[in-house]
Amino acid sequence: MADEALVVIDLQNDFCPGGALEVAGGDEIVPLVNDLIRRTEHVLLTQDWHPAGHSSFASSHPGKQPFETIDMPYGHQTLWPDHCIQGSLGSDFHSGLAWSKAELVIRKGFRPAIDSYSAFFENDRTTPTGLAGYLRDRNIEALTLVGLATDFCVAFSALDAVKLGFETSVRLDACRGIDLNGSVERMLGRMRDAGVALI
């Protein structure tokens, strides 16, 4: 359908096995995502795109370890291993991903002082990426989200999509999660409660 789009979230090397922030089984979804890309007219991708020394990296906070949480001016922030550094092999899309059909690539997390999980907003929840305006200009009303990771960038993108008025689905078979302290079940619940179709 012309008013529907597939949004592929962060299917990048650093989130796949062997990467700096490996999501278990992250590469397993590539064939299914490629099949969805082939069958969808409008395809958009997001790409985590951090400068070196990004404020969300544990290495930027002496004495802190990856997966600890700190308070930032915009709220709680999970600290991550250094990942998806601009121009690095880790920031590249998975080599098996048939992404050349994509009409738009939204880069996020490039502001040094703020992280960005959602395809729509930085983690301050107010700074937009521009994706919503693009979709509205193209008269796209329904989104299907796939990619990495279920409980972070996919979930926050889906929650924002619903809040912005888009009919939103997440293909769980084409996602994989990090699962920090039960975060997958928690975020699945939040998505269900918000009206995201989990399929």
C-alpha atoms as a PDB file:
ATOM      1  CA  MET A   1       0.000   0.000   0.000  1.00  0.00           C
ATOM      2  CA  ALA A   2       1.272   3.433  -0.939  1.00  0.00           C
ATOM      3  CA  ASP A   3       0.431   4.921   2.473  1.00  0.00           C
ATOM      4  CA  GLU A   4       2.493   2.333   4.386  1.00  0.00           C
ATOM      5  CA  ALA A   5       6.231   2.191   5.087  1.00  0.00           C
ATOM      6  CA  LEU A   6       8.694  -0.298   6.527  1.00  0.00           C
ATOM      7  CA  VAL A   7      11.118   1.245   9.041  1.00  0.00           C
ATOM      8  CA  VAL A   8      14.287  -0.807   9.601  1.00  0.00           C
ATOM      9  CA  ILE A   9      15.855   0.195  12.910  1.00  0.00           C
ATOM     10  CA  ASP A  10      19.650   0.133  13.399  1.00  0.00           C
ATOM     11  CA  LEU A  11      20.486  -3.135  11.614  1.00  0.00           C
ATOM     12  CA  GLN A  12      24.185  -2.300  11.953  1.00  0.00           C
ATOM     13  CA  ASN A  13      27.327  -4.346  12.506  1.00  0.00           C
ATOM     14  CA  ASP A  14      27.896  -3.197  16.087  1.00  0.00           C
ATOM     15  CA  PHE A  15      24.481  -4.565  17.109  1.00  0.00           C
ATOM     16  CA  CYS A  16      25.091  -7.937  15.461  1.00  0.00           C
ATOM     17  CA  PRO A  17      27.148 -10.866  16.849  1.00  0.00           C
ATOM     18  CA  GLY A  18      30.798  -9.829  17.141  1.00  0.00           C
ATOM     19  CA  GLY A  19      29.881  -6.140  17.355  1.00  0.00           C
ATOM     20  CA  ALA A  20      30.632  -3.720  20.171  1.00  0.00           C
ATOM     21  CA  LEU A  21      27.036  -3.818  21.504  1.00  0.00           C
ATOM     22  CA  GLU A  22      26.031  -7.231  20.315  1.00  0.00           C
ATOM     23  CA  VAL A  23      22.340  -8.168  20.373  1.00  0.00           C
ATOM     24  CA  ALA A  24      22.010 -11.954  20.606  1.00  0.00           C
ATOM     25  CA  GLY A  25      20.786 -13.286  17.275  1.00  0.00           C
ATOM     26  CA  GLY A  26      20.805  -9.824  15.721  1.00  0.00           C
ATOM     27  CA  ASP A  27      21.972 -11.171  12.384  1.00  0.00           C
ATOM     28  CA  GLU A  28      19.270 -13.863  12.300  1.00  0.00           C
ATOM     29  CA  ILE A  29      16.630 -11.351  11.230  1.00  0.00           C
ATOM     30  CA  VAL A  30      18.444 -10.182   8.080  1.00  0.00           C
ATOM     31  CA  PRO A  31      16.797 -12.653   5.627  1.00  0.00           C
ATOM     32  CA  LEU A  32      13.311 -11.847   6.936  1.00  0.00           C
ATOM     33  CA  VAL A  33      13.969  -8.102   6.858  1.00  0.00           C
ATOM     34  CA  ASN A  34      15.234  -8.427   3.286  1.00  0.00           C
ATOM     35  CA  ASP A  35      12.031 -10.248   2.335  1.00  0.00           C
ATOM     36  CA  LEU A  36       9.950  -7.454   3.890  1.00  0.00           C
ATOM     37  CA  ILE A  37      12.029  -4.847   2.050  1.00  0.00           C
ATOM     38  CA  ARG A  38      11.384  -6.635  -1.268  1.00  0.00           C
ATOM     39  CA  ARG A  39       7.633  -6.660  -0.628  1.00  0.00           C
ATOM     40  CA  THR A  40       7.291  -3.057   0.621  1.00  0.00           C
ATOM     41  CA  GLU A  41       7.060  -0.001  -1.596  1.00  0.00           C
ATOM     42  CA  HIS A  42       8.397   2.524   0.922  1.00  0.00           C
ATOM     43  CA  VAL A  43      11.466   1.575   2.986  1.00  0.00           C
ATOM     44  CA  LEU A  44      13.204   3.810   5.539  1.00  0.00           C
ATOM     45  CA  LEU A  45      16.222   3.033   7.704  1.00  0.00           C
ATOM     46  CA  THR A  46      17.668   4.435  10.892  1.00  0.00           C
ATOM     47  CA  GLN A  47      21.384   4.439  11.630  1.00  0.00           C
ATOM     48  CA  ASP A  48      22.964   4.982  15.038  1.00  0.00           C
ATOM     49  CA  TRP A  49      25.697   7.539  14.284  1.00  0.00           C
ATOM     50  CA  HIS A  50      27.733   8.564  17.317  1.00  0.00           C
ATOM     51  CA  PRO A  51      30.790  10.802  17.390  1.00  0.00           C
ATOM     52  CA  ALA A  52      33.773   9.382  19.280  1.00  0.00           C
ATOM     53  CA  GLY A  53      33.530  10.170  22.991  1.00  0.00           C
ATOM     54  CA  HIS A  54      29.732  10.354  22.933  1.00  0.00           C
ATOM     55  CA  SER A  55      28.135  11.146  26.301  1.00  0.00           C
ATOM     56  CA  SER A  56      26.202   7.839  26.287  1.00  0.00           C
ATOM     57  CA  PHE A  57      29.441   5.814  26.262  1.00  0.00           C
ATOM     58  CA  ALA A  58      30.576   4.432  29.627  1.00  0.00           C
ATOM     59  CA  SER A  59      34.142   5.279  28.573  1.00  0.00           C
ATOM     60  CA  SER A  60      33.185   8.989  28.715  1.00  0.00           C
ATOM     61  CA  HIS A  61      32.419   8.713  32.454  1.00  0.00           C
ATOM     62  CA  PRO A  62      35.433   7.724  34.592  1.00  0.00           C
ATOM     63  CA  GLY A  63      34.672   4.865  36.963  1.00  0.00           C
ATOM     64  CA  LYS A  64      31.460   3.894  35.168  1.00  0.00           C
ATOM     65  CA  GLN A  65      30.843   0.552  33.464  1.00  0.00           C
ATOM     66  CA  PRO A  66      28.672  -0.301  30.448  1.00  0.00           C
ATOM     67  CA  PHE A  67      24.996  -0.853  31.327  1.00  0.00           C
ATOM     68  CA  GLU A  68      25.133   1.317  34.455  1.00  0.00           C
ATOM     69  CA  THR A  69      22.626   4.170  34.547  1.00  0.00           C
ATOM     70  CA  ILE A  70      23.389   7.836  35.210  1.00  0.00           C
ATOM     71  CA  ASP A  71      21.329  11.006  35.327  1.00  0.00           C
ATOM     72  CA  MET A  72      21.779  13.342  32.384  1.00  0.00           C
ATOM     73  CA  PRO A  73      20.155  16.783  31.994  1.00  0.00           C
ATOM     74  CA  TYR A  74      17.374  15.069  30.002  1.00  0.00           C
ATOM     75  CA  GLY A  75      16.809  12.157  32.430  1.00  0.00           C
ATOM     76  CA  HIS A  76      18.100   8.630  33.064  1.00  0.00           C
ATOM     77  CA  GLN A  77      20.675   7.353  30.583  1.00  0.00           C
ATOM     78  CA  THR A  78      21.975   3.796  30.232  1.00  0.00           C
ATOM     79  CA  LEU A  79      25.708   3.857  29.551  1.00  0.00           C
ATOM     80  CA  TRP A  80      26.819   1.755  26.601  1.00  0.00           C
ATOM     81  CA  PRO A  81      30.057   0.322  25.248  1.00  0.00           C
ATOM     82  CA  ASP A  82      31.517   2.570  22.542  1.00  0.00           C
ATOM     83  CA  HIS A  83      29.506   1.664  19.439  1.00  0.00           C
ATOM     84  CA  CYS A  84      28.395   2.845  15.997  1.00  0.00           C
ATOM     85  CA  ILE A  85      31.096   5.511  15.815  1.00  0.00           C
ATOM     86  CA  GLN A  86      30.652   7.635  12.712  1.00  0.00           C
ATOM     87  CA  GLY A  87      32.353   6.133   9.666  1.00  0.00           C
ATOM     88  CA  SER A  88      33.480   2.968  11.469  1.00  0.00           C
ATOM     89  CA  LEU A  89      32.863  -0.573  10.253  1.00  0.00           C
ATOM     90  CA  GLY A  90      30.636  -1.037  13.292  1.00  0.00           C
ATOM     91  CA  SER A  91      28.355   1.783  12.169  1.00  0.00           C
ATOM     92  CA  ASP A  92      27.837   0.224   8.710  1.00  0.00           C
ATOM     93  CA  PHE A  93      24.630  -1.629   7.933  1.00  0.00           C
ATOM     94  CA  HIS A  94      24.953  -5.409   8.163  1.00  0.00           C
ATOM     95  CA  SER A  95      26.634  -6.570   4.952  1.00  0.00           C
ATOM     96  CA  GLY A  96      23.743  -8.922   4.186  1.00  0.00           C
ATOM     97  CA  LEU A  97      21.079  -6.230   4.449  1.00  0.00           C
ATOM     98  CA  ALA A  98      19.506  -5.348   1.092  1.00  0.00           C
ATOM     99  CA  TRP A  99      19.167  -1.707   2.074  1.00  0.00           C
ATOM    100  CA  SER A 100      19.840   0.041  -1.261  1.00  0.00           C
ATOM    101  CA  LYS A 101      16.087   0.400  -1.880  1.00  0.00           C
ATOM    102  CA  ALA A 102      15.744   2.706   1.129  1.00  0.00           C
ATOM    103  CA  GLU A 103      14.229   6.099   0.330  1.00  0.00           C
ATOM    104  CA  LEU A 104      15.608   7.719   3.475  1.00  0.00           C
ATOM    105  CA  VAL A 105      18.248   7.010   6.119  1.00  0.00           C
ATOM    106  CA  ILE A 106      17.697   8.832   9.417  1.00  0.00           C
ATOM    107  CA  ARG A 107      20.910   9.183  11.413  1.00  0.00           C
ATOM    108  CA  LYS A 108      20.495   9.566  15.151  1.00  0.00           C
ATOM    109  CA  GLY A 109      22.682   9.988  18.210  1.00  0.00           C
ATOM    110  CA  PHE A 110      25.078  12.344  16.413  1.00  0.00           C
ATOM    111  CA  ARG A 111      24.713  15.164  18.959  1.00  0.00           C
ATOM    112  CA  PRO A 112      27.582  14.608  21.443  1.00  0.00           C
ATOM    113  CA  ALA A 113      25.630  15.499  24.590  1.00  0.00           C
ATOM    114  CA  ILE A 114      22.430  13.513  24.007  1.00  0.00           C
ATOM    115  CA  ASP A 115      21.549   9.958  23.047  1.00  0.00           C
ATOM    116  CA  SER A 116      18.752   9.006  20.672  1.00  0.00           C
ATOM    117  CA  TYR A 117      16.830   5.733  20.788  1.00  0.00           C
ATOM    118  CA  SER A 118      13.738   6.772  18.857  1.00  0.00           C
ATOM    119  CA  ALA A 119      13.609   7.288  15.104  1.00  0.00           C
ATOM    120  CA  PHE A 120      11.511  10.387  15.848  1.00  0.00           C
ATOM    121  CA  PHE A 121      13.099  12.187  18.823  1.00  0.00           C
ATOM    122  CA  GLU A 122      16.344  12.499  20.719  1.00  0.00           C
ATOM    123  CA  ASN A 123      16.239  11.215  24.307  1.00  0.00           C
ATOM    124  CA  ASP A 124      15.202  14.659  25.575  1.00  0.00           C
ATOM    125  CA  ARG A 125      11.847  13.709  23.957  1.00  0.00           C
ATOM    126  CA  THR A 126      11.611  17.133  22.284  1.00  0.00           C
ATOM    127  CA  THR A 127      14.380  17.396  19.657  1.00  0.00           C
ATOM    128  CA  PRO A 128      12.923  15.905  16.450  1.00  0.00           C
ATOM    129  CA  THR A 129      14.824  13.897  13.854  1.00  0.00           C
ATOM    130  CA  GLY A 130      12.541  15.142  11.059  1.00  0.00           C
ATOM    131  CA  LEU A 131      11.122  11.700  10.294  1.00  0.00           C
ATOM    132  CA  ALA A 132       7.527  12.587  11.222  1.00  0.00           C
ATOM    133  CA  GLY A 133       7.502  15.535   8.836  1.00  0.00           C
ATOM    134  CA  TYR A 134       8.959  13.424   6.037  1.00  0.00           C
ATOM    135  CA  LEU A 135       6.295  10.740   6.494  1.00  0.00           C
ATOM    136  CA  ARG A 136       3.477  13.288   6.567  1.00  0.00           C
ATOM    137  CA  ASP A 137       4.776  15.014   3.442  1.00  0.00           C
ATOM    138  CA  ARG A 138       4.722  11.611   1.719  1.00  0.00           C
ATOM    139  CA  ASN A 139       1.189  10.871   2.994  1.00  0.00           C
ATOM    140  CA  ILE A 140       2.410   7.761   4.808  1.00  0.00           C
ATOM    141  CA  GLU A 141       0.031   6.858   7.628  1.00  0.00           C
ATOM    142  CA  ALA A 142       0.986   3.306   8.652  1.00  0.00           C
ATOM    143  CA  LEU A 143       4.376   1.990   9.766  1.00  0.00           C
ATOM    144  CA  THR A 144       5.811  -1.471  10.323  1.00  0.00           C
ATOM    145  CA  LEU A 145       8.967  -1.485  12.453  1.00  0.00           C
ATOM    146  CA  VAL A 146      11.662  -4.153  12.475  1.00  0.00           C
ATOM    147  CA  GLY A 147      15.288  -4.265  13.633  1.00  0.00           C
ATOM    148  CA  LEU A 148      17.445  -3.825  16.719  1.00  0.00           C
ATOM    149  CA  ALA A 149      16.911  -3.699  19.562  1.00  0.00           C
ATOM    150  CA  THR A 150      13.327  -4.608  20.470  1.00  0.00           C
ATOM    151  CA  ASP A 151      13.494  -3.076  23.949  1.00  0.00           C
ATOM    152  CA  PHE A 152      15.303   0.138  23.093  1.00  0.00           C
ATOM    153  CA  CYS A 153      15.369   1.745  19.658  1.00  0.00           C
ATOM    154  CA  VAL A 154      12.500  -0.293  18.175  1.00  0.00           C
ATOM    155  CA  ALA A 155      10.234   0.192  21.212  1.00  0.00           C
ATOM    156  CA  PHE A 156      10.901   3.912  21.656  1.00  0.00           C
ATOM    157  CA  SER A 157      10.374   4.470  17.915  1.00  0.00           C
ATOM    158  CA  ALA A 158       7.066   2.571  18.030  1.00  0.00           C
ATOM    159  CA  LEU A 159       5.831   4.467  21.107  1.00  0.00           C
ATOM    160  CA  ASP A 160       6.610   7.799  19.457  1.00  0.00           C
ATOM    161  CA  ALA A 161       5.022   6.722  16.170  1.00  0.00           C
ATOM    162  CA  VAL A 162       1.729   5.942  17.918  1.00  0.00           C
ATOM    163  CA  LYS A 163       1.892   9.183  19.906  1.00  0.00           C
ATOM    164  CA  LEU A 164       2.362  11.084  16.627  1.00  0.00           C
ATOM    165  CA  GLY A 165      -0.728   9.462  15.122  1.00  0.00           C
ATOM    166  CA  PHE A 166       0.751   6.773  12.893  1.00  0.00           C
ATOM    167  CA  GLU A 167      -0.832   3.328  12.725  1.00  0.00           C
ATOM    168  CA  THR A 168       2.081   1.307  14.082  1.00  0.00           C
ATOM    169  CA  SER A 169       3.035  -2.369  13.992  1.00  0.00           C
ATOM    170  CA  VAL A 170       6.161  -4.169  15.198  1.00  0.00           C
ATOM    171  CA  ARG A 171       7.123  -7.483  13.582  1.00  0.00           C
ATOM    172  CA  LEU A 172       8.563  -9.277  16.593  1.00  0.00           C
ATOM    173  CA  ASP A 173       9.978 -12.107  14.474  1.00  0.00           C
ATOM    174  CA  ALA A 174      12.091  -9.479  12.677  1.00  0.00           C
ATOM    175  CA  CYS A 175      13.451  -7.931  15.907  1.00  0.00           C
ATOM    176  CA  ARG A 176      15.848  -9.016  18.639  1.00  0.00           C
ATOM    177  CA  GLY A 177      16.267  -7.527  22.120  1.00  0.00           C
ATOM    178  CA  ILE A 178      19.080  -6.677  24.526  1.00  0.00           C
ATOM    179  CA  ASP A 179      17.005  -7.493  27.653  1.00  0.00           C
ATOM    180  CA  LEU A 180      18.558  -5.538  30.520  1.00  0.00           C
ATOM    181  CA  ASN A 181      16.852  -6.584  33.762  1.00  0.00           C
ATOM    182  CA  GLY A 182      13.639  -7.655  32.032  1.00  0.00           C
ATOM    183  CA  SER A 183      13.528  -4.711  29.631  1.00  0.00           C
ATOM    184  CA  VAL A 184      12.071  -6.763  26.756  1.00  0.00           C
ATOM    185  CA  GLU A 185       8.902  -7.778  28.639  1.00  0.00           C
ATOM    186  CA  ARG A 186       8.602  -4.303  30.144  1.00  0.00           C
ATOM    187  CA  MET A 187       8.788  -2.570  26.770  1.00  0.00           C
ATOM    188  CA  LEU A 188       6.479  -5.103  25.081  1.00  0.00           C
ATOM    189  CA  GLY A 189       3.934  -4.210  27.752  1.00  0.00           C
ATOM    190  CA  ARG A 190       4.401  -0.494  27.193  1.00  0.00           C
ATOM    191  CA  MET A 191       3.965  -0.926  23.439  1.00  0.00           C
ATOM    192  CA  ARG A 192       0.804  -3.025  23.871  1.00  0.00           C
ATOM    193  CA  ASP A 193      -0.661  -0.500  26.291  1.00  0.00           C
ATOM    194  CA  ALA A 194       0.060   2.353  23.871  1.00  0.00           C
ATOM    195  CA  GLY A 195      -1.742   0.646  20.996  1.00  0.00           C
ATOM    196  CA  VAL A 196       1.191  -0.720  19.015  1.00  0.00           C
ATOM    197  CA  ALA A 197       0.220  -3.888  17.115  1.00  0.00           C
ATOM    198  CA  LEU A 198       2.751  -6.596  18.010  1.00  0.00           C
ATOM    199  CA  ILE A 199       2.665  -9.135  15.200  1.00  0.00           C
END
